Amino acid sequence: MKVGLIGAGNMARALARGLDQPVLVADVLADRAAALAAETGGEALDSNAAVAERADLIVLCHKPLQLEAVAESIGGRARAVASILAATPLRDLRAAYPGTPVFRFIPSVAVEVRTGAVGYAEQDGVDAALEAQVLELFGRLGTVVRLPEALMDVAMGLMSTSPAFFAVVAEALTDAGIRHGMPHDTAAELVAGAMAGAAALLTEHDHDTLGLRRTVTSPGGVTAAALAALDRSALRGALHDALDAVLEARVR
């Protein structure tokens, strides 16, 4: 399946690197499109319409507010459309691309290294063979999780924006290590390794967070003391607030 990217920003680059195949690219910044095309062995084209004419599937990687303008520039040439646009429901995609099969995904930047999850909005009435092709393509990027569309924005907060949350946690732990005399690079390496290991264990053990905590936490031990400190600092409440903020911001 020949893929065309409309937009060559951060998420487009992550997708292209994860797909690891030549892609067609169009972007308002020609240099940015050329750089991404060169990286994948693909081709930068001079218009959105040119990408749509040659691609089996175009992936919308532009800003959500550009939905109608980009659709107009494509002018009905798209064979199929996959969107990774935040807070852009299927009804808006169908209105912008009438008569064209559309699919909605929420990935995260982790697709660059083919890890993590990719949210997929379930829908009726789509051609089963085409859907299978598109899901196989996105399945290369991580685990595709089917969701009712009403939960796609929640998925965005849980896994699309959360790498930034995890980066803050990693920064804070690294800084704590530095405060106690650990060299920066050593602290950062230890923290990143610990986070990757914890994620792998959770995946291996059916996402059993309680089981992982119990494995690490001895009664009256250092981990128990640390968890009590996190509770006093209201870490759980802060993460709930972060998801609420994502859902509030999407409707502005």
Protein backbone atom coordinates (compact mmCIF):
# COMPACT_ATOMS: atom_id res chain seq x y z
CA MET A 1 0.00 0.00 0.00
CA LYS A 2 1.55 3.28 -1.14
CA VAL A 3 1.25 5.85 1.65
CA GLY A 4 1.09 9.61 1.24
CA LEU A 5 1.56 11.99 4.16
CA ILE A 6 -0.12 15.37 4.21
CA GLY A 7 2.14 17.22 6.60
CA ALA A 8 5.73 16.51 7.61
CA GLY A 9 5.83 17.56 11.25
CA ASN A 10 6.77 15.57 14.35
CA MET A 11 4.03 12.95 14.16
CA ALA A 12 4.46 12.51 10.41
CA ARG A 13 8.16 11.84 10.98
CA ALA A 14 7.38 9.34 13.73
CA LEU A 15 4.90 7.52 11.50
CA ALA A 16 7.24 7.45 8.53
CA ARG A 17 10.13 6.11 10.59
CA GLY A 18 7.92 3.45 12.14
CA LEU A 19 6.48 2.34 8.79
CA ASP A 20 10.00 2.06 7.39
CA GLN A 21 8.92 2.31 3.76
CA PRO A 22 9.14 5.01 1.09
CA VAL A 23 6.37 7.57 1.46
CA LEU A 24 5.02 10.44 -0.61
CA VAL A 25 5.02 13.73 1.29
CA ALA A 26 3.52 17.18 0.88
CA ASP A 27 3.93 20.00 3.37
CA VAL A 28 3.57 23.78 3.35
CA LEU A 29 7.30 23.84 4.14
CA ALA A 30 8.90 22.30 1.08
CA ASP A 31 12.26 21.77 2.79
CA ARG A 32 10.62 19.82 5.59
CA ALA A 33 8.78 17.59 3.11
CA ALA A 34 11.97 17.02 1.14
CA ALA A 35 13.91 16.03 4.26
CA LEU A 36 11.29 13.47 5.35
CA ALA A 37 10.98 12.03 1.85
CA ALA A 38 14.75 11.69 1.59
CA GLU A 39 14.92 9.95 4.96
CA THR A 40 12.40 7.30 3.88
CA GLY A 41 13.59 6.92 0.31
CA GLY A 42 10.30 8.41 -0.83
CA GLU A 43 9.35 11.51 -2.75
CA ALA A 44 8.29 15.04 -1.86
CA LEU A 45 5.54 16.37 -4.12
CA ASP A 46 4.53 19.95 -4.73
CA SER A 47 0.86 19.67 -3.76
CA ASN A 48 -1.60 17.74 -1.63
CA ALA A 49 -3.50 16.83 -4.79
CA ALA A 50 -0.38 15.25 -6.31
CA VAL A 51 0.05 13.06 -3.22
CA ALA A 52 -3.60 11.99 -3.33
CA GLU A 53 -3.40 11.07 -7.00
CA ARG A 54 -0.50 8.67 -6.43
CA ALA A 55 -1.15 7.25 -2.96
CA ASP A 56 -3.38 4.32 -2.07
CA LEU A 57 -3.88 5.88 1.36
CA ILE A 58 -3.30 9.44 2.44
CA VAL A 59 -2.58 10.05 6.11
CA LEU A 60 -3.64 13.43 7.46
CA CYS A 61 -0.79 14.73 9.61
CA HIS A 62 -1.59 18.43 9.36
CA LYS A 63 -3.18 20.65 12.03
CA PRO A 64 -6.85 19.93 12.79
CA LEU A 65 -7.97 23.44 11.87
CA GLN A 66 -6.67 22.85 8.33
CA LEU A 67 -9.08 19.94 7.70
CA GLU A 68 -11.41 21.68 5.27
CA ALA A 69 -8.70 23.61 3.45
CA VAL A 70 -6.61 20.46 2.89
CA ALA A 71 -9.65 18.48 1.74
CA GLU A 72 -10.48 21.24 -0.72
CA SER A 73 -6.93 21.22 -2.06
CA ILE A 74 -7.14 17.45 -2.62
CA GLY A 75 -10.37 17.92 -4.54
CA GLY A 76 -11.83 14.43 -4.27
CA ARG A 77 -8.72 12.65 -5.53
CA ALA A 78 -8.09 10.55 -2.41
CA ARG A 79 -8.75 6.81 -2.64
CA ALA A 80 -8.77 6.38 1.14
CA VAL A 81 -7.98 8.64 4.09
CA ALA A 82 -6.52 7.89 7.51
CA SER A 83 -6.53 10.70 10.05
CA ILE A 84 -4.32 11.14 13.09
CA LEU A 85 -5.77 14.59 13.77
CA ALA A 86 -6.54 15.36 17.40
CA ALA A 87 -10.15 16.01 18.39
CA THR A 88 -11.44 15.47 14.85
CA PRO A 89 -14.29 12.93 14.84
CA LEU A 90 -15.29 10.65 12.00
CA ARG A 91 -18.32 12.78 11.16
CA ASP A 92 -16.06 15.74 10.38
CA LEU A 93 -13.72 13.55 8.33
CA ARG A 94 -16.64 12.14 6.33
CA ALA A 95 -18.01 15.63 5.74
CA ALA A 96 -14.61 16.80 4.48
CA TYR A 97 -14.11 13.70 2.29
CA PRO A 98 -17.59 12.67 1.12
CA GLY A 99 -17.72 9.32 -0.63
CA THR A 100 -14.16 8.43 0.43
CA PRO A 101 -13.39 5.71 2.99
CA VAL A 102 -12.02 7.37 6.12
CA PHE A 103 -10.30 5.90 9.17
CA ARG A 104 -9.42 7.58 12.45
CA PHE A 105 -6.35 6.73 14.51
CA ILE A 106 -4.67 8.20 17.58
CA PRO A 107 -0.98 7.25 17.74
CA SER A 108 1.84 8.54 19.91
CA VAL A 109 5.42 9.44 19.05
CA ALA A 110 6.42 5.95 20.26
CA VAL A 111 5.29 4.61 16.87
CA GLU A 112 8.70 5.79 15.64
CA VAL A 113 10.20 2.78 17.41
CA ARG A 114 7.16 0.54 16.82
CA THR A 115 6.09 0.38 20.45
CA GLY A 116 3.07 1.41 22.45
CA ALA A 117 -0.53 1.50 21.34
CA VAL A 118 -2.46 3.04 18.47
CA GLY A 119 -6.10 3.89 19.10
CA TYR A 120 -8.53 3.05 16.28
CA ALA A 121 -12.10 4.36 16.09
CA GLU A 122 -14.49 1.51 15.32
CA GLN A 123 -17.06 2.14 12.62
CA ASP A 124 -19.67 0.30 10.59
CA GLY A 125 -20.08 0.23 6.83
CA VAL A 126 -16.42 0.30 5.81
CA ASP A 127 -15.06 -2.14 3.24
CA ALA A 128 -13.65 -5.06 5.23
CA ALA A 129 -10.75 -5.78 2.87
CA LEU A 130 -9.64 -2.15 2.82
CA GLU A 131 -9.98 -1.89 6.60
CA ALA A 132 -7.81 -4.98 7.01
CA GLN A 133 -5.11 -3.43 4.80
CA VAL A 134 -5.15 -0.17 6.73
CA LEU A 135 -5.09 -1.94 10.09
CA GLU A 136 -2.17 -4.11 8.96
CA LEU A 137 -0.28 -0.95 8.02
CA PHE A 138 -0.90 0.77 11.36
CA GLY A 139 -0.34 -2.51 13.18
CA ARG A 140 3.33 -2.27 12.21
CA LEU A 141 3.56 0.79 14.46
CA GLY A 142 2.33 -0.77 17.69
CA THR A 143 -0.65 -2.57 19.18
CA VAL A 144 -3.87 -1.37 17.53
CA VAL A 145 -6.58 -0.95 20.15
CA ARG A 146 -10.15 -0.76 18.83
CA LEU A 147 -12.27 1.81 20.65
CA PRO A 148 -15.73 3.31 20.43
CA GLU A 149 -15.19 6.71 18.90
CA ALA A 150 -16.55 8.39 22.02
CA LEU A 151 -13.39 7.23 23.84
CA MET A 152 -10.86 8.36 21.24
CA ASP A 153 -10.18 11.68 22.95
CA VAL A 154 -9.67 9.87 26.25
CA ALA A 155 -7.18 7.63 24.43
CA MET A 156 -5.42 10.75 23.20
CA GLY A 157 -4.88 11.84 26.79
CA LEU A 158 -3.81 8.42 28.01
CA MET A 159 -1.30 7.52 25.31
CA SER A 160 -0.83 10.25 22.72
CA THR A 161 -0.05 13.15 25.05
CA SER A 162 1.27 11.02 27.92
CA PRO A 163 4.82 10.59 26.57
CA ALA A 164 5.24 14.22 27.58
CA PHE A 165 3.98 13.33 31.09
CA PHE A 166 6.44 10.45 31.30
CA ALA A 167 9.22 12.76 30.14
CA VAL A 168 8.44 15.08 33.06
CA VAL A 169 8.58 12.12 35.46
CA ALA A 170 11.90 11.02 33.96
CA GLU A 171 13.28 14.56 34.24
CA ALA A 172 12.17 14.82 37.86
CA LEU A 173 13.71 11.49 38.84
CA THR A 174 16.92 12.33 37.00
CA ASP A 175 17.10 15.68 38.75
CA ALA A 176 16.52 13.95 42.10
CA GLY A 177 19.45 11.66 41.37
CA ILE A 178 21.63 14.63 40.45
CA ARG A 179 20.66 16.31 43.72
CA HIS A 180 22.10 13.30 45.53
CA GLY A 181 25.37 13.30 43.59
CA MET A 182 24.60 11.11 40.57
CA PRO A 183 26.05 12.33 37.23
CA HIS A 184 23.31 13.45 34.84
CA ASP A 185 23.96 10.91 32.09
CA THR A 186 24.11 8.03 34.54
CA ALA A 187 20.91 9.07 36.30
CA ALA A 188 19.10 9.54 32.97
CA GLU A 189 20.23 6.11 31.73
CA LEU A 190 19.07 4.41 34.92
CA VAL A 191 15.69 6.14 34.86
CA ALA A 192 15.04 5.40 31.18
CA GLY A 193 16.00 1.76 31.69
CA ALA A 194 13.74 1.47 34.71
CA MET A 195 10.79 3.00 32.84
CA ALA A 196 11.30 0.72 29.85
CA GLY A 197 11.59 -2.31 32.13
CA ALA A 198 8.44 -1.42 34.03
CA ALA A 199 6.51 -0.98 30.77
CA ALA A 200 7.74 -4.35 29.50
CA LEU A 201 6.73 -6.07 32.74
CA LEU A 202 3.28 -4.53 32.68
CA THR A 203 2.80 -5.68 29.10
CA GLU A 204 4.07 -9.17 29.89
CA HIS A 205 1.80 -9.52 32.94
CA ASP A 206 -1.49 -8.29 31.49
CA HIS A 207 -1.09 -4.72 32.74
CA ASP A 208 -1.20 -5.80 36.37
CA THR A 209 -0.10 -2.56 38.04
CA LEU A 210 -1.00 -3.79 41.51
CA GLY A 211 1.03 -6.95 41.01
CA LEU A 212 4.06 -4.96 39.92
CA ARG A 213 3.77 -2.65 42.92
CA ARG A 214 3.52 -5.61 45.29
CA THR A 215 6.53 -7.26 43.66
CA VAL A 216 8.67 -4.17 44.21
CA THR A 217 7.27 -3.07 47.58
CA SER A 218 8.34 -4.79 50.79
CA PRO A 219 6.40 -3.97 53.98
CA GLY A 220 8.11 -1.09 55.75
CA GLY A 221 10.77 -0.92 53.04
CA VAL A 222 12.21 1.90 50.94
CA THR A 223 9.65 1.57 48.12
CA ALA A 224 6.78 1.76 50.62
CA ALA A 225 8.27 4.96 52.00
CA ALA A 226 8.64 6.37 48.51
CA LEU A 227 5.06 5.53 47.55
CA ALA A 228 3.79 7.21 50.71
CA ALA A 229 5.74 10.32 49.71
CA LEU A 230 4.13 10.25 46.25
CA ASP A 231 0.69 9.98 47.85
CA ARG A 232 1.46 12.98 50.05
CA SER A 233 2.46 14.89 46.92
CA ALA A 234 -0.85 13.97 45.25
CA LEU A 235 0.74 12.37 42.18
CA ARG A 236 -2.44 10.45 41.35
CA GLY A 237 -4.55 13.59 41.53
CA ALA A 238 -2.09 15.46 39.32
CA LEU A 239 -2.34 12.78 36.62
CA HIS A 240 -6.15 12.85 36.78
CA ASP A 241 -5.96 16.63 36.40
CA ALA A 242 -3.68 16.22 33.39
CA LEU A 243 -6.19 14.00 31.58
CA ASP A 244 -9.02 16.39 32.46
CA ALA A 245 -6.98 19.23 31.00
CA VAL A 246 -6.51 17.31 27.72
CA LEU A 247 -10.25 16.74 27.41
CA GLU A 248 -11.04 20.37 28.24
CA ALA A 249 -8.46 21.73 25.81
CA ARG A 250 -9.72 19.66 22.87
CA VAL A 251 -13.02 21.54 22.74
CA ARG A 252 -11.56 25.06 22.74
